[in-house]
């Protein structure tokens, strides 16, 4: 998903910056409130950020001018919502662009939008809808994290298609070509990320369940059922 430095022509790289910056600013406002009012949640916040960094650093080069890897954003989106996840993802992507040669500075806006905004929004919506429908907690976490990863690459394919429309078929033909390349590697990666995220949440339920209730991630009654199942 890291689109390489200089790969996107103008005005597309500027457009993705313009779209992403307001979301990041709102996320910074929400993040500041959590740090001020809920200091006890800072370690969990750091864990979510570290999870994004570690997973998204496992880069697999792609012929599309981008790369394939897990994203790690599903967990943060479930815990803190998509806006704060956008900030965490931006920090990770900026560090990777500067020090790991993953992505780039001119393409940062596009990379943030696909990995740190679009994916987390999908994860958050799926999680909330799944919990409202009384689906098993871990199944919902798995689906949210899996689809957050997958949607990231759908959006990346769309970003590349807009910048490089095919001579025959235009944007849609180009989108199909980019998405087909990602599909072979990203589907199994997305499933593995979903499973790993569900396992981590099982650990969080055991050791930091109070934080899940405080963040309104899970109801106290649901939490008691989960702990009863594990005991």
C-alpha atoms as a PDB file:
ATOM      1  CA  UNK A   1       0.000   0.000   0.000  1.00  0.00           C
ATOM      2  CA  UNK A   2       2.969   2.390   0.351  1.00  0.00           C
ATOM      3  CA  UNK A   3       2.862   4.283  -2.947  1.00  0.00           C
ATOM      4  CA  UNK A   4       6.455   5.142  -3.801  1.00  0.00           C
ATOM      5  CA  UNK A   5       7.915   8.648  -3.574  1.00  0.00           C
ATOM      6  CA  UNK A   6       7.208  10.677  -6.703  1.00  0.00           C
ATOM      7  CA  UNK A   7       4.983   7.997  -8.232  1.00  0.00           C
ATOM      8  CA  UNK A   8       1.759  10.060  -8.209  1.00  0.00           C
ATOM      9  CA  UNK A   9       1.618  13.000 -10.631  1.00  0.00           C
ATOM     10  CA  UNK A  10      -0.034  16.307  -9.846  1.00  0.00           C
ATOM     11  CA  UNK A  11      -2.687  17.227  -9.062  1.00  0.00           C
ATOM     12  CA  UNK A  12      -3.477  13.833  -7.500  1.00  0.00           C
ATOM     13  CA  UNK A  13      -0.908  13.836  -4.704  1.00  0.00           C
ATOM     14  CA  UNK A  14      -2.059  17.331  -3.700  1.00  0.00           C
ATOM     15  CA  UNK A  15      -5.716  16.288  -3.755  1.00  0.00           C
ATOM     16  CA  UNK A  16      -5.125  13.390  -1.346  1.00  0.00           C
ATOM     17  CA  UNK A  17      -3.309  15.739   1.039  1.00  0.00           C
ATOM     18  CA  UNK A  18      -6.263  18.158   0.929  1.00  0.00           C
ATOM     19  CA  UNK A  19      -8.686  15.336   1.769  1.00  0.00           C
ATOM     20  CA  UNK A  20      -6.563  13.769   4.519  1.00  0.00           C
ATOM     21  CA  UNK A  21      -5.412  16.844   6.457  1.00  0.00           C
ATOM     22  CA  UNK A  22      -8.834  17.796   7.965  1.00  0.00           C
ATOM     23  CA  UNK A  23      -9.314  14.220   9.224  1.00  0.00           C
ATOM     24  CA  UNK A  24      -5.851  14.237  10.809  1.00  0.00           C
ATOM     25  CA  UNK A  25      -6.510  17.582  12.498  1.00  0.00           C
ATOM     26  CA  UNK A  26      -9.773  16.305  13.965  1.00  0.00           C
ATOM     27  CA  UNK A  27      -7.995  13.161  15.108  1.00  0.00           C
ATOM     28  CA  UNK A  28      -5.317  15.257  16.847  1.00  0.00           C
ATOM     29  CA  UNK A  29      -8.066  17.086  18.732  1.00  0.00           C
ATOM     30  CA  UNK A  30      -9.609  13.799  19.904  1.00  0.00           C
ATOM     31  CA  UNK A  31      -6.209  12.320  20.732  1.00  0.00           C
ATOM     32  CA  UNK A  32      -5.327  15.339  22.850  1.00  0.00           C
ATOM     33  CA  UNK A  33      -8.557  14.909  24.825  1.00  0.00           C
ATOM     34  CA  UNK A  34      -7.787  11.258  25.570  1.00  0.00           C
ATOM     35  CA  UNK A  35      -4.251  12.058  26.714  1.00  0.00           C
ATOM     36  CA  UNK A  36      -5.536  14.812  29.008  1.00  0.00           C
ATOM     37  CA  UNK A  37      -8.616  13.114  30.420  1.00  0.00           C
ATOM     38  CA  UNK A  38      -7.705   9.418  30.343  1.00  0.00           C
ATOM     39  CA  UNK A  39      -3.992   9.087  31.061  1.00  0.00           C
ATOM     40  CA  UNK A  40      -4.493   5.454  32.010  1.00  0.00           C
ATOM     41  CA  UNK A  41      -5.324   4.682  28.363  1.00  0.00           C
ATOM     42  CA  UNK A  42      -2.015   5.978  26.997  1.00  0.00           C
ATOM     43  CA  UNK A  43      -0.291   2.532  27.179  1.00  0.00           C
ATOM     44  CA  UNK A  44      -3.133   1.011  25.144  1.00  0.00           C
ATOM     45  CA  UNK A  45      -2.835   3.876  22.683  1.00  0.00           C
ATOM     46  CA  UNK A  46       0.887   3.198  22.374  1.00  0.00           C
ATOM     47  CA  UNK A  47       0.188  -0.504  21.814  1.00  0.00           C
ATOM     48  CA  UNK A  48      -2.223   0.304  18.984  1.00  0.00           C
ATOM     49  CA  UNK A  49       0.342   2.586  17.347  1.00  0.00           C
ATOM     50  CA  UNK A  50       3.116  -0.004  17.698  1.00  0.00           C
ATOM     51  CA  UNK A  51       0.843  -2.659  16.157  1.00  0.00           C
ATOM     52  CA  UNK A  52       0.315  -0.460  13.095  1.00  0.00           C
ATOM     53  CA  UNK A  53       4.041   0.211  12.800  1.00  0.00           C
ATOM     54  CA  UNK A  54       5.167  -3.394  13.073  1.00  0.00           C
ATOM     55  CA  UNK A  55       2.592  -4.878  10.700  1.00  0.00           C
ATOM     56  CA  UNK A  56       2.781  -2.146   8.065  1.00  0.00           C
ATOM     57  CA  UNK A  57       6.585  -2.381   8.012  1.00  0.00           C
ATOM     58  CA  UNK A  58       6.402  -5.947   6.661  1.00  0.00           C
ATOM     59  CA  UNK A  59       6.625  -4.799   3.058  1.00  0.00           C
ATOM     60  CA  UNK A  60       6.134  -7.037   0.008  1.00  0.00           C
ATOM     61  CA  UNK A  61       7.058  -5.150  -3.225  1.00  0.00           C
ATOM     62  CA  UNK A  62       4.422  -4.904  -5.939  1.00  0.00           C
ATOM     63  CA  UNK A  63       4.720  -4.137  -9.657  1.00  0.00           C
ATOM     64  CA  UNK A  64       2.013  -1.483  -9.317  1.00  0.00           C
ATOM     65  CA  UNK A  65       4.309   1.175  -7.853  1.00  0.00           C
ATOM     66  CA  UNK A  66       3.047   0.313  -4.385  1.00  0.00           C
ATOM     67  CA  UNK A  67       3.595  -2.572  -1.951  1.00  0.00           C
ATOM     68  CA  UNK A  68       1.562  -5.201  -0.098  1.00  0.00           C
ATOM     69  CA  UNK A  69       1.583  -5.747   3.647  1.00  0.00           C
ATOM     70  CA  UNK A  70      -0.686  -5.960   6.685  1.00  0.00           C
ATOM     71  CA  UNK A  71      -1.872  -2.565   7.936  1.00  0.00           C
ATOM     72  CA  UNK A  72      -2.628  -3.075  11.630  1.00  0.00           C
ATOM     73  CA  UNK A  73      -5.179  -0.262  11.669  1.00  0.00           C
ATOM     74  CA  UNK A  74      -8.215  -2.384  12.508  1.00  0.00           C
ATOM     75  CA  UNK A  75      -7.290  -2.722  16.162  1.00  0.00           C
ATOM     76  CA  UNK A  76      -6.799   1.014  16.676  1.00  0.00           C
ATOM     77  CA  UNK A  77     -10.044   1.804  14.840  1.00  0.00           C
ATOM     78  CA  UNK A  78     -12.020  -0.534  17.099  1.00  0.00           C
ATOM     79  CA  UNK A  79     -10.412   0.855  20.246  1.00  0.00           C
ATOM     80  CA  UNK A  80     -10.183   4.575  19.516  1.00  0.00           C
ATOM     81  CA  UNK A  81     -12.184   5.243  16.361  1.00  0.00           C
ATOM     82  CA  UNK A  82     -11.055   6.173  12.851  1.00  0.00           C
ATOM     83  CA  UNK A  83     -10.018   9.784  13.551  1.00  0.00           C
ATOM     84  CA  UNK A  84      -7.412   8.913  16.181  1.00  0.00           C
ATOM     85  CA  UNK A  85      -6.306   5.971  14.048  1.00  0.00           C
ATOM     86  CA  UNK A  86      -5.677   8.466  11.228  1.00  0.00           C
ATOM     87  CA  UNK A  87      -3.187  10.280  13.465  1.00  0.00           C
ATOM     88  CA  UNK A  88      -1.442   7.074  14.525  1.00  0.00           C
ATOM     89  CA  UNK A  89      -1.278   5.903  10.921  1.00  0.00           C
ATOM     90  CA  UNK A  90       0.108   9.249   9.763  1.00  0.00           C
ATOM     91  CA  UNK A  91       2.889   9.125  12.344  1.00  0.00           C
ATOM     92  CA  UNK A  92       3.789   5.598  11.261  1.00  0.00           C
ATOM     93  CA  UNK A  93       3.696   6.405   7.548  1.00  0.00           C
ATOM     94  CA  UNK A  94       5.787   9.555   8.017  1.00  0.00           C
ATOM     95  CA  UNK A  95       8.427   7.647   9.983  1.00  0.00           C
ATOM     96  CA  UNK A  96       8.496   4.884   7.385  1.00  0.00           C
ATOM     97  CA  UNK A  97       8.853   7.386   4.540  1.00  0.00           C
ATOM     98  CA  UNK A  98      11.727   9.208   6.252  1.00  0.00           C
ATOM     99  CA  UNK A  99      13.699   6.300   7.701  1.00  0.00           C
ATOM    100  CA  UNK A 100      12.611   3.039   6.047  1.00  0.00           C
ATOM    101  CA  UNK A 101      12.101   4.102   2.422  1.00  0.00           C
ATOM    102  CA  UNK A 102       8.498   2.866   2.584  1.00  0.00           C
ATOM    103  CA  UNK A 103       6.209   5.218   0.704  1.00  0.00           C
ATOM    104  CA  UNK A 104       7.201   8.850   0.326  1.00  0.00           C
ATOM    105  CA  UNK A 105       6.548  12.425   1.369  1.00  0.00           C
ATOM    106  CA  UNK A 106       4.727  13.571  -1.766  1.00  0.00           C
ATOM    107  CA  UNK A 107       2.570  10.426  -1.669  1.00  0.00           C
ATOM    108  CA  UNK A 108       1.952  10.656   2.081  1.00  0.00           C
ATOM    109  CA  UNK A 109      -1.528  12.119   1.636  1.00  0.00           C
ATOM    110  CA  UNK A 110      -2.625   9.248  -0.600  1.00  0.00           C
ATOM    111  CA  UNK A 111      -1.065   6.625   1.670  1.00  0.00           C
ATOM    112  CA  UNK A 112      -2.707   8.174   4.733  1.00  0.00           C
ATOM    113  CA  UNK A 113      -6.091   8.235   3.051  1.00  0.00           C
ATOM    114  CA  UNK A 114      -6.019   4.576   2.013  1.00  0.00           C
ATOM    115  CA  UNK A 115      -4.367   3.012   5.078  1.00  0.00           C
ATOM    116  CA  UNK A 116      -5.094   5.422   7.926  1.00  0.00           C
ATOM    117  CA  UNK A 117      -8.528   6.779   6.968  1.00  0.00           C
ATOM    118  CA  UNK A 118     -10.481   4.543   4.555  1.00  0.00           C
ATOM    119  CA  UNK A 119      -9.475   1.221   6.140  1.00  0.00           C
ATOM    120  CA  UNK A 120     -10.133   2.362   9.732  1.00  0.00           C
ATOM    121  CA  UNK A 121     -13.529   3.843   8.808  1.00  0.00           C
ATOM    122  CA  UNK A 122     -14.568   0.487   7.354  1.00  0.00           C
ATOM    123  CA  UNK A 123     -13.256  -1.382  10.410  1.00  0.00           C
ATOM    124  CA  UNK A 124     -15.150   0.931  12.766  1.00  0.00           C
ATOM    125  CA  UNK A 125     -18.438   0.686  10.851  1.00  0.00           C
ATOM    126  CA  UNK A 126     -18.224  -3.105  10.584  1.00  0.00           C
ATOM    127  CA  UNK A 127     -17.378  -3.479  14.258  1.00  0.00           C
ATOM    128  CA  UNK A 128     -20.239  -1.263  15.436  1.00  0.00           C
ATOM    129  CA  UNK A 129     -22.722  -2.953  13.086  1.00  0.00           C
ATOM    130  CA  UNK A 130     -21.549  -6.426  14.105  1.00  0.00           C
ATOM    131  CA  UNK A 131     -21.832  -5.726  17.810  1.00  0.00           C
ATOM    132  CA  UNK A 132     -25.274  -4.184  17.338  1.00  0.00           C
ATOM    133  CA  UNK A 133     -26.325  -7.375  15.529  1.00  0.00           C
ATOM    134  CA  UNK A 134     -25.054  -9.443  18.514  1.00  0.00           C
ATOM    135  CA  UNK A 135     -22.479 -11.315  16.436  1.00  0.00           C
ATOM    136  CA  UNK A 136     -19.689 -13.021  18.383  1.00  0.00           C
ATOM    137  CA  UNK A 137     -17.162 -10.413  19.542  1.00  0.00           C
ATOM    138  CA  UNK A 138     -14.083 -12.148  18.148  1.00  0.00           C
ATOM    139  CA  UNK A 139     -15.779 -12.871  14.826  1.00  0.00           C
ATOM    140  CA  UNK A 140     -16.635  -9.174  14.502  1.00  0.00           C
ATOM    141  CA  UNK A 141     -13.057  -8.152  15.354  1.00  0.00           C
ATOM    142  CA  UNK A 142     -11.756 -10.600  12.754  1.00  0.00           C
ATOM    143  CA  UNK A 143     -14.081  -9.260  10.062  1.00  0.00           C
ATOM    144  CA  UNK A 144     -13.357  -5.623  10.902  1.00  0.00           C
ATOM    145  CA  UNK A 145      -9.573  -6.047  10.781  1.00  0.00           C
ATOM    146  CA  UNK A 146      -9.663  -8.244   7.673  1.00  0.00           C
ATOM    147  CA  UNK A 147     -11.852  -5.894   5.678  1.00  0.00           C
ATOM    148  CA  UNK A 148      -9.937  -2.808   6.864  1.00  0.00           C
ATOM    149  CA  UNK A 149      -6.837  -4.323   5.298  1.00  0.00           C
ATOM    150  CA  UNK A 150      -8.615  -5.350   2.115  1.00  0.00           C
ATOM    151  CA  UNK A 151     -10.356  -1.989   1.631  1.00  0.00           C
ATOM    152  CA  UNK A 152      -7.010  -0.220   2.031  1.00  0.00           C
ATOM    153  CA  UNK A 153      -5.845  -1.933  -1.138  1.00  0.00           C
ATOM    154  CA  UNK A 154      -9.085  -1.351  -2.987  1.00  0.00           C
ATOM    155  CA  UNK A 155      -8.677   2.370  -2.275  1.00  0.00           C
ATOM    156  CA  UNK A 156      -4.991   2.295  -3.221  1.00  0.00           C
ATOM    157  CA  UNK A 157      -5.935   0.663  -6.522  1.00  0.00           C
ATOM    158  CA  UNK A 158      -8.484   3.429  -7.093  1.00  0.00           C
ATOM    159  CA  UNK A 159      -5.909   6.128  -6.280  1.00  0.00           C
ATOM    160  CA  UNK A 160      -3.491   4.643  -8.802  1.00  0.00           C
ATOM    161  CA  UNK A 161      -6.240   4.212 -11.397  1.00  0.00           C
ATOM    162  CA  UNK A 162      -7.248   7.865 -11.132  1.00  0.00           C
ATOM    163  CA  UNK A 163      -3.642   8.934 -11.636  1.00  0.00           C
ATOM    164  CA  UNK A 164      -2.969   6.458 -14.452  1.00  0.00           C
ATOM    165  CA  UNK A 165      -6.157   5.765 -16.444  1.00  0.00           C
ATOM    166  CA  UNK A 166      -5.821   3.172 -19.179  1.00  0.00           C
ATOM    167  CA  UNK A 167      -5.855   4.325 -22.797  1.00  0.00           C
ATOM    168  CA  UNK A 168      -8.660   1.850 -23.415  1.00  0.00           C
ATOM    169  CA  UNK A 169     -11.323   1.688 -20.713  1.00  0.00           C
ATOM    170  CA  UNK A 170     -10.082   4.641 -18.690  1.00  0.00           C
ATOM    171  CA  UNK A 171     -10.125   4.644 -14.893  1.00  0.00           C
ATOM    172  CA  UNK A 172     -12.215   1.492 -14.457  1.00  0.00           C
ATOM    173  CA  UNK A 173      -9.972  -0.599 -16.694  1.00  0.00           C
ATOM    174  CA  UNK A 174      -6.932   0.655 -14.844  1.00  0.00           C
ATOM    175  CA  UNK A 175      -8.611  -0.018 -11.487  1.00  0.00           C
ATOM    176  CA  UNK A 176      -9.308  -3.633 -12.465  1.00  0.00           C
ATOM    177  CA  UNK A 177      -5.680  -4.108 -13.506  1.00  0.00           C
ATOM    178  CA  UNK A 178      -4.258  -2.675 -10.270  1.00  0.00           C
ATOM    179  CA  UNK A 179      -6.756  -4.504  -8.052  1.00  0.00           C
ATOM    180  CA  UNK A 180      -6.045  -7.822  -9.757  1.00  0.00           C
ATOM    181  CA  UNK A 181      -2.342  -7.555  -8.904  1.00  0.00           C
ATOM    182  CA  UNK A 182      -3.101  -6.816  -5.252  1.00  0.00           C
ATOM    183  CA  UNK A 183      -5.729  -9.550  -4.949  1.00  0.00           C
ATOM    184  CA  UNK A 184      -3.255 -12.418  -5.181  1.00  0.00           C
ATOM    185  CA  UNK A 185      -1.225 -11.262  -2.186  1.00  0.00           C
ATOM    186  CA  UNK A 186      -3.635  -9.184  -0.154  1.00  0.00           C
ATOM    187  CA  UNK A 187      -6.498 -11.578   0.511  1.00  0.00           C
ATOM    188  CA  UNK A 188      -4.401 -14.089   2.523  1.00  0.00           C
ATOM    189  CA  UNK A 189      -2.553 -11.220   4.248  1.00  0.00           C
ATOM    190  CA  UNK A 190      -5.868  -9.636   5.235  1.00  0.00           C
ATOM    191  CA  UNK A 191      -7.159 -12.938   6.668  1.00  0.00           C
ATOM    192  CA  UNK A 192      -3.970 -13.439   8.680  1.00  0.00           C
ATOM    193  CA  UNK A 193      -4.177  -9.894  10.016  1.00  0.00           C
ATOM    194  CA  UNK A 194      -7.789 -10.437  11.053  1.00  0.00           C
ATOM    195  CA  UNK A 195      -6.890 -13.604  12.941  1.00  0.00           C
ATOM    196  CA  UNK A 196      -3.927 -11.936  14.680  1.00  0.00           C
ATOM    197  CA  UNK A 197      -6.049  -8.950  15.698  1.00  0.00           C
ATOM    198  CA  UNK A 198      -8.705 -11.243  17.188  1.00  0.00           C
ATOM    199  CA  UNK A 199      -6.015 -13.050  19.212  1.00  0.00           C
ATOM    200  CA  UNK A 200      -4.655  -9.771  20.545  1.00  0.00           C
ATOM    201  CA  UNK A 201      -8.142  -8.681  21.578  1.00  0.00           C
ATOM    202  CA  UNK A 202      -8.511 -11.937  23.462  1.00  0.00           C
ATOM    203  CA  UNK A 203      -5.446 -10.934  25.468  1.00  0.00           C
ATOM    204  CA  UNK A 204      -6.761  -7.376  25.981  1.00  0.00           C
ATOM    205  CA  UNK A 205     -10.062  -8.780  27.284  1.00  0.00           C
ATOM    206  CA  UNK A 206      -8.116 -10.757  29.878  1.00  0.00           C
ATOM    207  CA  UNK A 207      -5.724  -8.043  31.103  1.00  0.00           C
ATOM    208  CA  UNK A 208      -7.289  -4.673  30.204  1.00  0.00           C
ATOM    209  CA  UNK A 209     -11.024  -5.271  30.107  1.00  0.00           C
ATOM    210  CA  UNK A 210     -11.766  -2.110  32.110  1.00  0.00           C
ATOM    211  CA  UNK A 211     -10.292  -0.021  29.296  1.00  0.00           C
ATOM    212  CA  UNK A 212     -12.608  -1.649  26.753  1.00  0.00           C
ATOM    213  CA  UNK A 213     -15.618  -0.690  28.849  1.00  0.00           C
ATOM    214  CA  UNK A 214     -14.295   2.837  29.429  1.00  0.00           C
ATOM    215  CA  UNK A 215     -13.767   3.329  25.702  1.00  0.00           C
ATOM    216  CA  UNK A 216     -17.273   1.948  25.046  1.00  0.00           C
ATOM    217  CA  UNK A 217     -15.775  -0.729  22.821  1.00  0.00           C
ATOM    218  CA  UNK A 218     -17.797  -3.396  24.553  1.00  0.00           C
ATOM    219  CA  UNK A 219     -20.676  -3.488  27.020  1.00  0.00           C
ATOM    220  CA  UNK A 220     -20.072  -4.757  30.522  1.00  0.00           C
ATOM    221  CA  UNK A 221     -22.644  -7.532  30.045  1.00  0.00           C
ATOM    222  CA  UNK A 222     -20.905  -8.750  26.884  1.00  0.00           C
ATOM    223  CA  UNK A 223     -17.566  -8.620  28.649  1.00  0.00           C
ATOM    224  CA  UNK A 224     -18.841 -10.804  31.483  1.00  0.00           C
ATOM    225  CA  UNK A 225     -20.040 -13.377  28.950  1.00  0.00           C
ATOM    226  CA  UNK A 226     -16.632 -13.408  27.244  1.00  0.00           C
ATOM    227  CA  UNK A 227     -14.802 -13.855  30.527  1.00  0.00           C
ATOM    228  CA  UNK A 228     -17.241 -16.566  31.528  1.00  0.00           C
ATOM    229  CA  UNK A 229     -16.499 -18.408  28.289  1.00  0.00           C
ATOM    230  CA  UNK A 230     -12.740 -18.207  28.920  1.00  0.00           C
ATOM    231  CA  UNK A 231     -12.949 -19.404  32.538  1.00  0.00           C
END
